[in-house]
Amino acid sequence: QAQLVESGGGLVQPGGSLRLSCAASGFTLDTYAVGWFRQAPGKEREAVSCINNRYDSSYYRESVKGRFTSSRDSASNSVDLQMNGLNPEDTAVYSCAAARVLCRVLVSGRFLRGFWGNGTRVTVSS
């Protein structure tokens, strides 16, 4: 059964770092655009990042540029999100999604065929 599973969330102090991982099973993630989304309590889901193949542009939300970096780990069939300089506004449930679309489509969330993970919680607090 094809699925995505996120890991790496947790509690971190402001200014700290976390590395999230989105692991795929049942399909090869290398051929998909992979995005990270987050949803904070009481707020709508928002796209955080997207990476695709070399023919497509990556995407990072303005508020995370320079702090977050997404990368592929082909050996483990996963995509990671390195998050540095975390602040309380980054607190949310982070989910990954994969689809064979351009990043600008994936970050809109409006794709018909793809995969979503269940999410991992990130809490930034002192």
PDB file of N, CA and C in Angstrom:
ATOM      1  N   GLN A   1       0.852  -1.183   0.000  1.00  0.00           N
ATOM      2  CA  GLN A   1       0.000   0.000   0.000  1.00  0.00           C
ATOM      3  C   GLN A   1       0.892   1.238   0.000  1.00  0.00           C
ATOM      4  N   ALA A   2       0.651   2.137  -0.938  1.00  0.00           N
ATOM      5  CA  ALA A   2       1.462   3.335  -1.042  1.00  0.00           C
ATOM      6  C   ALA A   2       1.075   4.318   0.059  1.00  0.00           C
ATOM      7  N   GLN A   3       2.081   4.862   0.713  1.00  0.00           N
ATOM      8  CA  GLN A   3       1.786   5.816   1.770  1.00  0.00           C
ATOM      9  C   GLN A   3       3.000   6.687   2.072  1.00  0.00           C
ATOM     10  N   LEU A   4       2.730   7.803   2.760  1.00  0.00           N
ATOM     11  CA  LEU A   4       3.761   8.701   3.258  1.00  0.00           C
ATOM     12  C   LEU A   4       3.672   8.739   4.773  1.00  0.00           C
ATOM     13  N   VAL A   5       4.818   8.726   5.407  1.00  0.00           N
ATOM     14  CA  VAL A   5       4.865   8.782   6.866  1.00  0.00           C
ATOM     15  C   VAL A   5       5.879   9.830   7.294  1.00  0.00           C
ATOM     16  N   GLU A   6       5.414  10.799   8.089  1.00  0.00           N
ATOM     17  CA  GLU A   6       6.305  11.835   8.589  1.00  0.00           C
ATOM     18  C   GLU A   6       6.881  11.446   9.946  1.00  0.00           C
ATOM     19  N   SER A   7       8.053  11.953  10.220  1.00  0.00           N
ATOM     20  CA  SER A   7       8.675  11.753  11.524  1.00  0.00           C
ATOM     21  C   SER A   7       9.583  12.929  11.829  1.00  0.00           C
ATOM     22  N   GLY A   8      10.004  13.023  13.077  1.00  0.00           N
ATOM     23  CA  GLY A   8      10.967  14.045  13.463  1.00  0.00           C
ATOM     24  C   GLY A   8      10.408  15.221  14.225  1.00  0.00           C
ATOM     25  N   GLY A   9       9.106  15.265  14.400  1.00  0.00           N
ATOM     26  CA  GLY A   9       8.525  16.372  15.145  1.00  0.00           C
ATOM     27  C   GLY A   9       8.845  16.282  16.624  1.00  0.00           C
ATOM     28  N   GLY A  10       8.489  17.333  17.351  1.00  0.00           N
ATOM     29  CA  GLY A  10       8.729  17.338  18.774  1.00  0.00           C
ATOM     30  C   GLY A  10       8.683  18.736  19.350  1.00  0.00           C
ATOM     31  N   LEU A  11       9.169  18.852  20.565  1.00  0.00           N
ATOM     32  CA  LEU A  11       9.214  20.127  21.282  1.00  0.00           C
ATOM     33  C   LEU A  11      10.621  20.689  21.195  1.00  0.00           C
ATOM     34  N   VAL A  12      10.731  21.944  20.816  1.00  0.00           N
ATOM     35  CA  VAL A  12      12.043  22.580  20.699  1.00  0.00           C
ATOM     36  C   VAL A  12      11.933  24.011  21.196  1.00  0.00           C
ATOM     37  N   GLN A  13      13.013  24.519  21.732  1.00  0.00           N
ATOM     38  CA  GLN A  13      13.032  25.895  22.222  1.00  0.00           C
ATOM     39  C   GLN A  13      13.196  26.873  21.066  1.00  0.00           C
ATOM     40  N   PRO A  14      12.726  28.097  21.245  1.00  0.00           N
ATOM     41  CA  PRO A  14      12.939  29.111  20.193  1.00  0.00           C
ATOM     42  C   PRO A  14      14.414  29.220  19.837  1.00  0.00           C
ATOM     43  N   GLY A  15      14.663  29.311  18.542  1.00  0.00           N
ATOM     44  CA  GLY A  15      16.031  29.352  18.051  1.00  0.00           C
ATOM     45  C   GLY A  15      16.610  27.985  17.737  1.00  0.00           C
ATOM     46  N   GLY A  16      15.918  26.953  18.132  1.00  0.00           N
ATOM     47  CA  GLY A  16      16.402  25.595  17.926  1.00  0.00           C
ATOM     48  C   GLY A  16      16.131  25.066  16.528  1.00  0.00           C
ATOM     49  N   SER A  17      16.488  23.801  16.333  1.00  0.00           N
ATOM     50  CA  SER A  17      16.361  23.164  15.020  1.00  0.00           C
ATOM     51  C   SER A  17      15.669  21.808  15.152  1.00  0.00           C
ATOM     52  N   LEU A  18      15.008  21.432  14.091  1.00  0.00           N
ATOM     53  CA  LEU A  18      14.444  20.095  13.954  1.00  0.00           C
ATOM     54  C   LEU A  18      14.610  19.665  12.507  1.00  0.00           C
ATOM     55  N   ARG A  19      14.674  18.368  12.316  1.00  0.00           N
ATOM     56  CA  ARG A  19      14.724  17.820  10.968  1.00  0.00           C
ATOM     57  C   ARG A  19      13.569  16.838  10.814  1.00  0.00           C
ATOM     58  N   LEU A  20      12.653  17.177   9.928  1.00  0.00           N
ATOM     59  CA  LEU A  20      11.516  16.314   9.646  1.00  0.00           C
ATOM     60  C   LEU A  20      11.844  15.420   8.465  1.00  0.00           C
ATOM     61  N   SER A  21      11.251  14.254   8.453  1.00  0.00           N
ATOM     62  CA  SER A  21      11.432  13.333   7.341  1.00  0.00           C
ATOM     63  C   SER A  21      10.082  12.855   6.844  1.00  0.00           C
ATOM     64  N   CYS A  22       9.974  12.745   5.542  1.00  0.00           N
ATOM     65  CA  CYS A  22       8.763  12.237   4.880  1.00  0.00           C
ATOM     66  C   CYS A  22       9.188  10.994   4.103  1.00  0.00           C
ATOM     67  N   ALA A  23       8.834   9.847   4.615  1.00  0.00           N
ATOM     68  CA  ALA A  23       9.260   8.589   4.013  1.00  0.00           C
ATOM     69  C   ALA A  23       8.128   7.964   3.216  1.00  0.00           C
ATOM     70  N   ALA A  24       8.451   7.529   2.023  1.00  0.00           N
ATOM     71  CA  ALA A  24       7.459   6.904   1.155  1.00  0.00           C
ATOM     72  C   ALA A  24       7.646   5.390   1.132  1.00  0.00           C
ATOM     73  N   SER A  25       6.543   4.707   1.036  1.00  0.00           N
ATOM     74  CA  SER A  25       6.571   3.260   0.807  1.00  0.00           C
ATOM     75  C   SER A  25       5.544   2.920  -0.253  1.00  0.00           C
ATOM     76  N   GLY A  26       5.873   1.950  -1.068  1.00  0.00           N
ATOM     77  CA  GLY A  26       4.964   1.531  -2.117  1.00  0.00           C
ATOM     78  C   GLY A  26       5.106   2.298  -3.410  1.00  0.00           C
ATOM     79  N   PHE A  27       5.935   3.314  -3.442  1.00  0.00           N
ATOM     80  CA  PHE A  27       6.219   4.049  -4.666  1.00  0.00           C
ATOM     81  C   PHE A  27       7.533   4.785  -4.497  1.00  0.00           C
ATOM     82  N   THR A  28       8.091   5.230  -5.632  1.00  0.00           N
ATOM     83  CA  THR A  28       9.396   5.902  -5.606  1.00  0.00           C
ATOM     84  C   THR A  28       9.195   7.403  -5.573  1.00  0.00           C
ATOM     85  N   LEU A  29       9.672   8.009  -4.511  1.00  0.00           N
ATOM     86  CA  LEU A  29       9.437   9.433  -4.286  1.00  0.00           C
ATOM     87  C   LEU A  29      10.218  10.317  -5.245  1.00  0.00           C
ATOM     88  N   ASP A  30      11.286   9.810  -5.819  1.00  0.00           N
ATOM     89  CA  ASP A  30      12.131  10.613  -6.709  1.00  0.00           C
ATOM     90  C   ASP A  30      11.379  11.180  -7.898  1.00  0.00           C
ATOM     91  N   THR A  31      10.319  10.522  -8.327  1.00  0.00           N
ATOM     92  CA  THR A  31       9.602  10.956  -9.524  1.00  0.00           C
ATOM     93  C   THR A  31       8.421  11.863  -9.191  1.00  0.00           C
ATOM     94  N   TYR A  32       8.329  12.318  -7.952  1.00  0.00           N
ATOM     95  CA  TYR A  32       7.217  13.147  -7.509  1.00  0.00           C
ATOM     96  C   TYR A  32       7.705  14.494  -6.978  1.00  0.00           C
ATOM     97  N   ALA A  33       6.876  15.498  -7.169  1.00  0.00           N
ATOM     98  CA  ALA A  33       7.067  16.733  -6.413  1.00  0.00           C
ATOM     99  C   ALA A  33       6.647  16.439  -4.976  1.00  0.00           C
ATOM    100  N   VAL A  34       7.430  16.931  -4.031  1.00  0.00           N
ATOM    101  CA  VAL A  34       7.128  16.681  -2.626  1.00  0.00           C
ATOM    102  C   VAL A  34       7.061  18.009  -1.876  1.00  0.00           C
ATOM    103  N   GLY A  35       5.974  18.209  -1.220  1.00  0.00           N
ATOM    104  CA  GLY A  35       5.782  19.449  -0.493  1.00  0.00           C
ATOM    105  C   GLY A  35       5.554  19.211   0.986  1.00  0.00           C
ATOM    106  N   TRP A  36       5.911  20.212   1.757  1.00  0.00           N
ATOM    107  CA  TRP A  36       5.603  20.237   3.178  1.00  0.00           C
ATOM    108  C   TRP A  36       4.555  21.313   3.428  1.00  0.00           C
ATOM    109  N   PHE A  37       3.581  20.966   4.243  1.00  0.00           N
ATOM    110  CA  PHE A  37       2.510  21.867   4.626  1.00  0.00           C
ATOM    111  C   PHE A  37       2.450  21.907   6.146  1.00  0.00           C
ATOM    112  N   ARG A  38       1.824  22.930   6.666  1.00  0.00           N
ATOM    113  CA  ARG A  38       1.627  22.979   8.116  1.00  0.00           C
ATOM    114  C   ARG A  38       0.281  23.616   8.431  1.00  0.00           C
ATOM    115  N   GLN A  39      -0.248  23.194   9.555  1.00  0.00           N
ATOM    116  CA  GLN A  39      -1.511  23.754  10.017  1.00  0.00           C
ATOM    117  C   GLN A  39      -1.392  24.006  11.512  1.00  0.00           C
ATOM    118  N   ALA A  40      -1.466  25.273  11.859  1.00  0.00           N
ATOM    119  CA  ALA A  40      -1.427  25.681  13.255  1.00  0.00           C
ATOM    120  C   ALA A  40      -2.840  25.648  13.822  1.00  0.00           C
ATOM    121  N   PRO A  41      -2.969  25.541  15.133  1.00  0.00           N
ATOM    122  CA  PRO A  41      -4.306  25.511  15.738  1.00  0.00           C
ATOM    123  C   PRO A  41      -5.133  26.728  15.354  1.00  0.00           C
ATOM    124  N   GLY A  42      -6.325  26.471  14.878  1.00  0.00           N
ATOM    125  CA  GLY A  42      -7.221  27.558  14.526  1.00  0.00           C
ATOM    126  C   GLY A  42      -6.912  28.261  13.223  1.00  0.00           C
ATOM    127  N   LYS A  43      -5.947  27.745  12.491  1.00  0.00           N
ATOM    128  CA  LYS A  43      -5.560  28.381  11.221  1.00  0.00           C
ATOM    129  C   LYS A  43      -5.694  27.401  10.063  1.00  0.00           C
ATOM    130  N   GLU A  44      -5.712  27.946   8.868  1.00  0.00           N
ATOM    131  CA  GLU A  44      -5.789  27.108   7.693  1.00  0.00           C
ATOM    132  C   GLU A  44      -4.420  26.501   7.374  1.00  0.00           C
ATOM    133  N   ARG A  45      -4.464  25.408   6.667  1.00  0.00           N
ATOM    134  CA  ARG A  45      -3.227  24.778   6.229  1.00  0.00           C
ATOM    135  C   ARG A  45      -2.505  25.685   5.241  1.00  0.00           C
ATOM    136  N   GLU A  46      -1.185  25.733   5.345  1.00  0.00           N
ATOM    137  CA  GLU A  46      -0.401  26.544   4.424  1.00  0.00           C
ATOM    138  C   GLU A  46       0.788  25.741   3.924  1.00  0.00           C
ATOM    139  N   ALA A  47       1.169  26.025   2.700  1.00  0.00           N
ATOM    140  CA  ALA A  47       2.328  25.355   2.118  1.00  0.00           C
ATOM    141  C   ALA A  47       3.603  25.971   2.664  1.00  0.00           C
ATOM    142  N   VAL A  48       4.553  25.116   2.966  1.00  0.00           N
ATOM    143  CA  VAL A  48       5.836  25.562   3.505  1.00  0.00           C
ATOM    144  C   VAL A  48       6.947  25.458   2.465  1.00  0.00           C
ATOM    145  N   SER A  49       6.973  24.348   1.749  1.00  0.00           N
ATOM    146  CA  SER A  49       8.045  24.160   0.774  1.00  0.00           C
ATOM    147  C   SER A  49       7.623  23.123  -0.256  1.00  0.00           C
ATOM    148  N   CYS A  50       8.352  23.115  -1.351  1.00  0.00           N
ATOM    149  CA  CYS A  50       8.149  22.098  -2.385  1.00  0.00           C
ATOM    150  C   CYS A  50       9.441  21.922  -3.157  1.00  0.00           C
ATOM    151  N   ILE A  51       9.797  20.662  -3.421  1.00  0.00           N
ATOM    152  CA  ILE A  51      10.915  20.392  -4.313  1.00  0.00           C
ATOM    153  C   ILE A  51      10.445  19.418  -5.381  1.00  0.00           C
ATOM    154  N   ASN A  52      11.047  19.546  -6.541  1.00  0.00           N
ATOM    155  CA  ASN A  52      10.655  18.701  -7.661  1.00  0.00           C
ATOM    156  C   ASN A  52      11.919  18.322  -8.427  1.00  0.00           C
ATOM    157  N   ASN A  53      11.781  18.044  -9.677  1.00  0.00           N
ATOM    158  CA  ASN A  53      12.949  17.691 -10.473  1.00  0.00           C
ATOM    159  C   ASN A  53      13.639  18.961 -10.971  1.00  0.00           C
ATOM    160  N   ARG A  54      14.692  18.786 -11.737  1.00  0.00           N
ATOM    161  CA  ARG A  54      15.513  19.935 -12.140  1.00  0.00           C
ATOM    162  C   ARG A  54      14.811  20.840 -13.139  1.00  0.00           C
ATOM    163  N   TYR A  55      13.681  20.425 -13.669  1.00  0.00           N
ATOM    164  CA  TYR A  55      12.958  21.239 -14.645  1.00  0.00           C
ATOM    165  C   TYR A  55      11.924  22.143 -13.989  1.00  0.00           C
ATOM    166  N   ASP A  56      11.796  22.068 -12.687  1.00  0.00           N
ATOM    167  CA  ASP A  56      10.777  22.832 -11.985  1.00  0.00           C
ATOM    168  C   ASP A  56      11.438  23.648 -10.885  1.00  0.00           C
ATOM    169  N   SER A  57      10.815  24.753 -10.543  1.00  0.00           N
ATOM    170  CA  SER A  57      11.347  25.624  -9.494  1.00  0.00           C
ATOM    171  C   SER A  57      10.892  25.151  -8.124  1.00  0.00           C
ATOM    172  N   SER A  58      11.786  25.251  -7.166  1.00  0.00           N
ATOM    173  CA  SER A  58      11.424  24.934  -5.792  1.00  0.00           C
ATOM    174  C   SER A  58      10.616  26.076  -5.209  1.00  0.00           C
ATOM    175  N   TYR A  59       9.961  25.798  -4.104  1.00  0.00           N
ATOM    176  CA  TYR A  59       9.147  26.816  -3.443  1.00  0.00           C
ATOM    177  C   TYR A  59       9.438  26.800  -1.951  1.00  0.00           C
ATOM    178  N   TYR A  60       9.563  27.981  -1.387  1.00  0.00           N
ATOM    179  CA  TYR A  60       9.623  28.141   0.062  1.00  0.00           C
ATOM    180  C   TYR A  60       8.736  29.317   0.446  1.00  0.00           C
ATOM    181  N   ARG A  61       7.972  29.112   1.462  1.00  0.00           N
ATOM    182  CA  ARG A  61       7.154  30.186   1.995  1.00  0.00           C
ATOM    183  C   ARG A  61       8.066  31.327   2.441  1.00  0.00           C
ATOM    184  N   GLU A  62       7.628  32.556   2.235  1.00  0.00           N
ATOM    185  CA  GLU A  62       8.471  33.712   2.523  1.00  0.00           C
ATOM    186  C   GLU A  62       8.980  33.694   3.959  1.00  0.00           C
ATOM    187  N   SER A  63       8.121  33.313   4.883  1.00  0.00           N
ATOM    188  CA  SER A  63       8.481  33.382   6.302  1.00  0.00           C
ATOM    189  C   SER A  63       9.509  32.329   6.714  1.00  0.00           C
ATOM    190  N   VAL A  64       9.769  31.338   5.844  1.00  0.00           N
ATOM    191  CA  VAL A  64      10.731  30.300   6.205  1.00  0.00           C
ATOM    192  C   VAL A  64      11.996  30.361   5.353  1.00  0.00           C
ATOM    193  N   LYS A  65      12.017  31.241   4.367  1.00  0.00           N
ATOM    194  CA  LYS A  65      13.194  31.344   3.504  1.00  0.00           C
ATOM    195  C   LYS A  65      14.439  31.671   4.335  1.00  0.00           C
ATOM    196  N   GLY A  66      15.509  30.962   4.043  1.00  0.00           N
ATOM    197  CA  GLY A  66      16.747  31.153   4.788  1.00  0.00           C
ATOM    198  C   GLY A  66      16.816  30.368   6.082  1.00  0.00           C
ATOM    199  N   ARG A  67      15.697  29.800   6.507  1.00  0.00           N
ATOM    200  CA  ARG A  67      15.676  29.011   7.735  1.00  0.00           C
ATOM    201  C   ARG A  67      15.394  27.541   7.458  1.00  0.00           C
ATOM    202  N   PHE A  68      14.514  27.257   6.511  1.00  0.00           N
ATOM    203  CA  PHE A  68      14.103  25.887   6.198  1.00  0.00           C
ATOM    204  C   PHE A  68      14.721  25.458   4.867  1.00  0.00           C
ATOM    205  N   THR A  69      15.119  24.197   4.805  1.00  0.00           N
ATOM    206  CA  THR A  69      15.653  23.632   3.567  1.00  0.00           C
ATOM    207  C   THR A  69      15.105  22.229   3.383  1.00  0.00           C
ATOM    208  N   SER A  70      14.584  21.963   2.197  1.00  0.00           N
ATOM    209  CA  SER A  70      14.066  20.639   1.889  1.00  0.00           C
ATOM    210  C   SER A  70      15.032  19.925   0.952  1.00  0.00           C
ATOM    211  N   SER A  71      15.208  18.638   1.159  1.00  0.00           N
ATOM    212  CA  SER A  71      16.142  17.880   0.322  1.00  0.00           C
ATOM    213  C   SER A  71      15.683  16.430   0.203  1.00  0.00           C
ATOM    214  N   ARG A  72      16.127  15.816  -0.867  1.00  0.00           N
ATOM    215  CA  ARG A  72      15.785  14.410  -1.090  1.00  0.00           C
ATOM    216  C   ARG A  72      16.874  13.490  -0.534  1.00  0.00           C
ATOM    217  N   ASP A  73      16.426  12.352  -0.051  1.00  0.00           N
ATOM    218  CA  ASP A  73      17.329  11.279   0.338  1.00  0.00           C
ATOM    219  C   ASP A  73      16.874  10.061  -0.445  1.00  0.00           C
ATOM    220  N   SER A  74      17.410   9.919  -1.641  1.00  0.00           N
ATOM    221  CA  SER A  74      16.954   8.856  -2.528  1.00  0.00           C
ATOM    222  C   SER A  74      17.211   7.466  -1.939  1.00  0.00           C
ATOM    223  N   ALA A  75      18.285   7.333  -1.214  1.00  0.00           N
ATOM    224  CA  ALA A  75      18.631   6.029  -0.653  1.00  0.00           C
ATOM    225  C   ALA A  75      17.550   5.519   0.298  1.00  0.00           C
ATOM    226  N   SER A  76      16.924   6.459   1.014  1.00  0.00           N
ATOM    227  CA  SER A  76      15.882   6.045   1.948  1.00  0.00           C
ATOM    228  C   SER A  76      14.488   6.380   1.440  1.00  0.00           C
ATOM    229  N   ASN A  77      14.420   6.823   0.178  1.00  0.00           N
ATOM    230  CA  ASN A  77      13.121   7.134  -0.436  1.00  0.00           C
ATOM    231  C   ASN A  77      12.330   8.124   0.413  1.00  0.00           C
ATOM    232  N   SER A  78      13.009   9.207   0.753  1.00  0.00           N
ATOM    233  CA  SER A  78      12.383  10.191   1.626  1.00  0.00           C
ATOM    234  C   SER A  78      12.774  11.609   1.232  1.00  0.00           C
ATOM    235  N   VAL A  79      12.058  12.555   1.768  1.00  0.00           N
ATOM    236  CA  VAL A  79      12.369  13.975   1.621  1.00  0.00           C
ATOM    237  C   VAL A  79      12.410  14.576   3.017  1.00  0.00           C
ATOM    238  N   ASP A  80      13.470  15.286   3.303  1.00  0.00           N
ATOM    239  CA  ASP A  80      13.631  15.886   4.618  1.00  0.00           C
ATOM    240  C   ASP A  80      13.341  17.378   4.588  1.00  0.00           C
ATOM    241  N   LEU A  81      12.997  17.919   5.734  1.00  0.00           N
ATOM    242  CA  LEU A  81      12.838  19.355   5.906  1.00  0.00           C
ATOM    243  C   LEU A  81      13.677  19.763   7.113  1.00  0.00           C
ATOM    244  N   GLN A  82      14.786  20.411   6.843  1.00  0.00           N
ATOM    245  CA  GLN A  82      15.642  20.918   7.910  1.00  0.00           C
ATOM    246  C   GLN A  82      15.123  22.281   8.319  1.00  0.00           C
ATOM    247  N   MET A  83      14.797  22.427   9.591  1.00  0.00           N
ATOM    248  CA  MET A  83      14.222  23.672  10.093  1.00  0.00           C
ATOM    249  C   MET A  83      15.152  24.252  11.146  1.00  0.00           C
ATOM    250  N   ASN A  84      15.694  25.422  10.847  1.00  0.00           N
ATOM    251  CA  ASN A  84      16.584  26.112  11.771  1.00  0.00           C
ATOM    252  C   ASN A  84      15.955  27.424  12.221  1.00  0.00           C
ATOM    253  N   GLY A  85      16.447  27.959  13.295  1.00  0.00           N
ATOM    254  CA  GLY A  85      15.940  29.237  13.765  1.00  0.00           C
ATOM    255  C   GLY A  85      14.451  29.231  14.038  1.00  0.00           C
ATOM    256  N   LEU A  86      13.974  28.151  14.636  1.00  0.00           N
ATOM    257  CA  LEU A  86      12.534  28.016  14.857  1.00  0.00           C
ATOM    258  C   LEU A  86      12.016  29.051  15.839  1.00  0.00           C
ATOM    259  N   ASN A  87      10.818  29.504  15.609  1.00  0.00           N
ATOM    260  CA  ASN A  87      10.159  30.443  16.503  1.00  0.00           C
ATOM    261  C   ASN A  87       8.742  29.946  16.799  1.00  0.00           C
ATOM    262  N   PRO A  88       8.098  30.492  17.804  1.00  0.00           N
ATOM    263  CA  PRO A  88       6.762  29.984  18.191  1.00  0.00           C
ATOM    264  C   PRO A  88       5.749  30.007  17.059  1.00  0.00           C
ATOM    265  N   GLU A  89       5.917  30.916  16.092  1.00  0.00           N
ATOM    266  CA  GLU A  89       4.995  30.967  14.953  1.00  0.00           C
ATOM    267  C   GLU A  89       5.132  29.757  14.038  1.00  0.00           C
ATOM    268  N   ASP A  90       6.165  28.975  14.216  1.00  0.00           N
ATOM    269  CA  ASP A  90       6.343  27.759  13.424  1.00  0.00           C
ATOM    270  C   ASP A  90       5.625  26.561  14.041  1.00  0.00           C
ATOM    271  N   THR A  91       5.033  26.742  15.196  1.00  0.00           N
ATOM    272  CA  THR A  91       4.307  25.655  15.845  1.00  0.00           C
ATOM    273  C   THR A  91       3.113  25.237  15.002  1.00  0.00           C
ATOM    274  N   ALA A  92       3.045  23.952  14.681  1.00  0.00           N
ATOM    275  CA  ALA A  92       1.980  23.445  13.814  1.00  0.00           C
ATOM    276  C   ALA A  92       2.144  21.937  13.650  1.00  0.00           C
ATOM    277  N   VAL A  93       1.152  21.345  13.041  1.00  0.00           N
ATOM    278  CA  VAL A  93       1.285  19.968  12.558  1.00  0.00           C
ATOM    279  C   VAL A  93       1.794  20.053  11.125  1.00  0.00           C
ATOM    280  N   TYR A  94       2.908  19.412  10.874  1.00  0.00           N
ATOM    281  CA  TYR A  94       3.541  19.432   9.563  1.00  0.00           C
ATOM    282  C   TYR A  94       3.230  18.131   8.823  1.00  0.00           C
ATOM    283  N   SER A  95       2.753  18.294   7.592  1.00  0.00           N
ATOM    284  CA  SER A  95       2.430  17.136   6.758  1.00  0.00           C
ATOM    285  C   SER A  95       3.165  17.239   5.441  1.00  0.00           C
ATOM    286  N   CYS A  96       3.431  16.089   4.852  1.00  0.00           N
ATOM    287  CA  CYS A  96       4.031  16.107   3.522  1.00  0.00           C
ATOM    288  C   CYS A  96       3.026  15.557   2.512  1.00  0.00           C
ATOM    289  N   ALA A  97       3.231  15.969   1.288  1.00  0.00           N
ATOM    290  CA  ALA A  97       2.379  15.521   0.196  1.00  0.00           C
ATOM    291  C   ALA A  97       3.244  15.285  -1.023  1.00  0.00           C
ATOM    292  N   ALA A  98       2.855  14.345  -1.849  1.00  0.00           N
ATOM    293  CA  ALA A  98       3.597  14.028  -3.060  1.00  0.00           C
ATOM    294  C   ALA A  98       2.619  13.862  -4.211  1.00  0.00           C
ATOM    295  N   ALA A  99       2.972  14.443  -5.341  1.00  0.00           N
ATOM    296  CA  ALA A  99       2.130  14.327  -6.528  1.00  0.00           C
ATOM    297  C   ALA A  99       2.989  14.572  -7.751  1.00  0.00           C
ATOM    298  N   ARG A 100       2.566  14.049  -8.857  1.00  0.00           N
ATOM    299  CA  ARG A 100       3.292  14.264 -10.125  1.00  0.00           C
ATOM    300  C   ARG A 100       2.723  15.501 -10.804  1.00  0.00           C
ATOM    301  N   VAL A 101       3.013  16.623 -10.216  1.00  0.00           N
ATOM    302  CA  VAL A 101       2.575  17.919 -10.724  1.00  0.00           C
ATOM    303  C   VAL A 101       3.704  18.909 -10.516  1.00  0.00           C
ATOM    304  N   LEU A 102       3.549  20.097 -11.068  1.00  0.00           N
ATOM    305  CA  LEU A 102       4.512  21.144 -10.794  1.00  0.00           C
ATOM    306  C   LEU A 102       4.346  21.625  -9.357  1.00  0.00           C
ATOM    307  N   CYS A 103       5.406  22.177  -8.816  1.00  0.00           N
ATOM    308  CA  CYS A 103       5.334  22.676  -7.441  1.00  0.00           C
ATOM    309  C   CYS A 103       4.245  23.733  -7.272  1.00  0.00           C
ATOM    310  N   ARG A 104       4.058  24.579  -8.272  1.00  0.00           N
ATOM    311  CA  ARG A 104       3.048  25.630  -8.092  1.00  0.00           C
ATOM    312  C   ARG A 104       1.643  25.033  -7.980  1.00  0.00           C
ATOM    313  N   VAL A 105       1.464  23.850  -8.523  1.00  0.00           N
ATOM    314  CA  VAL A 105       0.178  23.155  -8.381  1.00  0.00           C
ATOM    315  C   VAL A 105       0.120  22.454  -7.025  1.00  0.00           C
ATOM    316  N   LEU A 106       1.215  21.788  -6.662  1.00  0.00           N
ATOM    317  CA  LEU A 106       1.203  21.045  -5.406  1.00  0.00           C
ATOM    318  C   LEU A 106       0.978  21.966  -4.219  1.00  0.00           C
ATOM    319  N   VAL A 107       1.633  23.121  -4.207  1.00  0.00           N
ATOM    320  CA  VAL A 107       1.498  23.999  -3.036  1.00  0.00           C
ATOM    321  C   VAL A 107       0.102  24.593  -2.932  1.00  0.00           C
ATOM    322  N   SER A 108      -0.651  24.556  -4.019  1.00  0.00           N
ATOM    323  CA  SER A 108      -2.036  25.027  -3.952  1.00  0.00           C
ATOM    324  C   SER A 108      -2.917  23.994  -3.252  1.00  0.00           C
ATOM    325  N   GLY A 109      -2.407  22.756  -3.164  1.00  0.00           N
ATOM    326  CA  GLY A 109      -3.196  21.683  -2.577  1.00  0.00           C
ATOM    327  C   GLY A 109      -4.267  21.149  -3.498  1.00  0.00           C
ATOM    328  N   ARG A 110      -4.346  21.685  -4.699  1.00  0.00           N
ATOM    329  CA  ARG A 110      -5.439  21.322  -5.609  1.00  0.00           C
ATOM    330  C   ARG A 110      -4.964  20.318  -6.653  1.00  0.00           C
ATOM    331  N   PHE A 111      -4.544  19.185  -6.209  1.00  0.00           N
ATOM    332  CA  PHE A 111      -4.182  18.131  -7.138  1.00  0.00           C
ATOM    333  C   PHE A 111      -5.085  16.936  -6.873  1.00  0.00           C
ATOM    334  N   LEU A 112      -5.414  16.237  -7.950  1.00  0.00           N
ATOM    335  CA  LEU A 112      -6.404  15.168  -7.848  1.00  0.00           C
ATOM    336  C   LEU A 112      -5.792  13.853  -7.404  1.00  0.00           C
ATOM    337  N   ARG A 113      -4.578  13.595  -7.890  1.00  0.00           N
ATOM    338  CA  ARG A 113      -3.972  12.301  -7.590  1.00  0.00           C
ATOM    339  C   ARG A 113      -2.634  12.533  -6.910  1.00  0.00           C
ATOM    340  N   GLY A 114      -2.485  11.994  -5.735  1.00  0.00           N
ATOM    341  CA  GLY A 114      -1.244  12.129  -4.998  1.00  0.00           C
ATOM    342  C   GLY A 114      -1.394  11.482  -3.645  1.00  0.00           C
ATOM    343  N   PHE A 115      -0.448  11.782  -2.783  1.00  0.00           N
ATOM    344  CA  PHE A 115      -0.427  11.151  -1.473  1.00  0.00           C
ATOM    345  C   PHE A 115      -0.212  12.208  -0.393  1.00  0.00           C
ATOM    346  N   TRP A 116      -0.828  11.970   0.754  1.00  0.00           N
ATOM    347  CA  TRP A 116      -0.655  12.818   1.936  1.00  0.00           C
ATOM    348  C   TRP A 116      -0.236  11.949   3.120  1.00  0.00           C
ATOM    349  N   GLY A 117       0.623  12.491   3.943  1.00  0.00           N
ATOM    350  CA  GLY A 117       0.936  11.846   5.202  1.00  0.00           C
ATOM    351  C   GLY A 117      -0.016  12.327   6.284  1.00  0.00           C
ATOM    352  N   ASN A 118       0.081  11.719   7.444  1.00  0.00           N
ATOM    353  CA  ASN A 118      -0.815  12.074   8.550  1.00  0.00           C
ATOM    354  C   ASN A 118      -0.301  13.219   9.405  1.00  0.00           C
ATOM    355  N   GLY A 119       0.965  13.553   9.252  1.00  0.00           N
ATOM    356  CA  GLY A 119       1.489  14.711   9.964  1.00  0.00           C
ATOM    357  C   GLY A 119       2.308  14.372  11.184  1.00  0.00           C
ATOM    358  N   THR A 120       3.162  15.326  11.551  1.00  0.00           N
ATOM    359  CA  THR A 120       3.956  15.237  12.772  1.00  0.00           C
ATOM    360  C   THR A 120       3.924  16.606  13.443  1.00  0.00           C
ATOM    361  N   ARG A 121       3.786  16.603  14.749  1.00  0.00           N
ATOM    362  CA  ARG A 121       3.581  17.864  15.471  1.00  0.00           C
ATOM    363  C   ARG A 121       4.911  18.502  15.835  1.00  0.00           C
ATOM    364  N   VAL A 122       4.980  19.799  15.571  1.00  0.00           N
ATOM    365  CA  VAL A 122       6.150  20.599  15.955  1.00  0.00           C
ATOM    366  C   VAL A 122       5.685  21.690  16.912  1.00  0.00           C
ATOM    367  N   THR A 123       6.295  21.735  18.070  1.00  0.00           N
ATOM    368  CA  THR A 123       5.967  22.752  19.065  1.00  0.00           C
ATOM    369  C   THR A 123       7.227  23.526  19.421  1.00  0.00           C
ATOM    370  N   VAL A 124       7.161  24.831  19.230  1.00  0.00           N
ATOM    371  CA  VAL A 124       8.300  25.690  19.547  1.00  0.00           C
ATOM    372  C   VAL A 124       7.903  26.534  20.758  1.00  0.00           C
ATOM    373  N   SER A 125       8.540  26.237  21.860  1.00  0.00           N
ATOM    374  CA  SER A 125       8.165  26.911  23.101  1.00  0.00           C
ATOM    375  C   SER A 125       9.305  26.840  24.098  1.00  0.00           C
ATOM    376  N   SER A 126       9.388  27.861  24.937  1.00  0.00           N
ATOM    377  CA  SER A 126      10.390  27.856  25.994  1.00  0.00           C
ATOM    378  C   SER A 126       9.805  27.291  27.277  1.00  0.00           C
TER     379      SER A 126
END
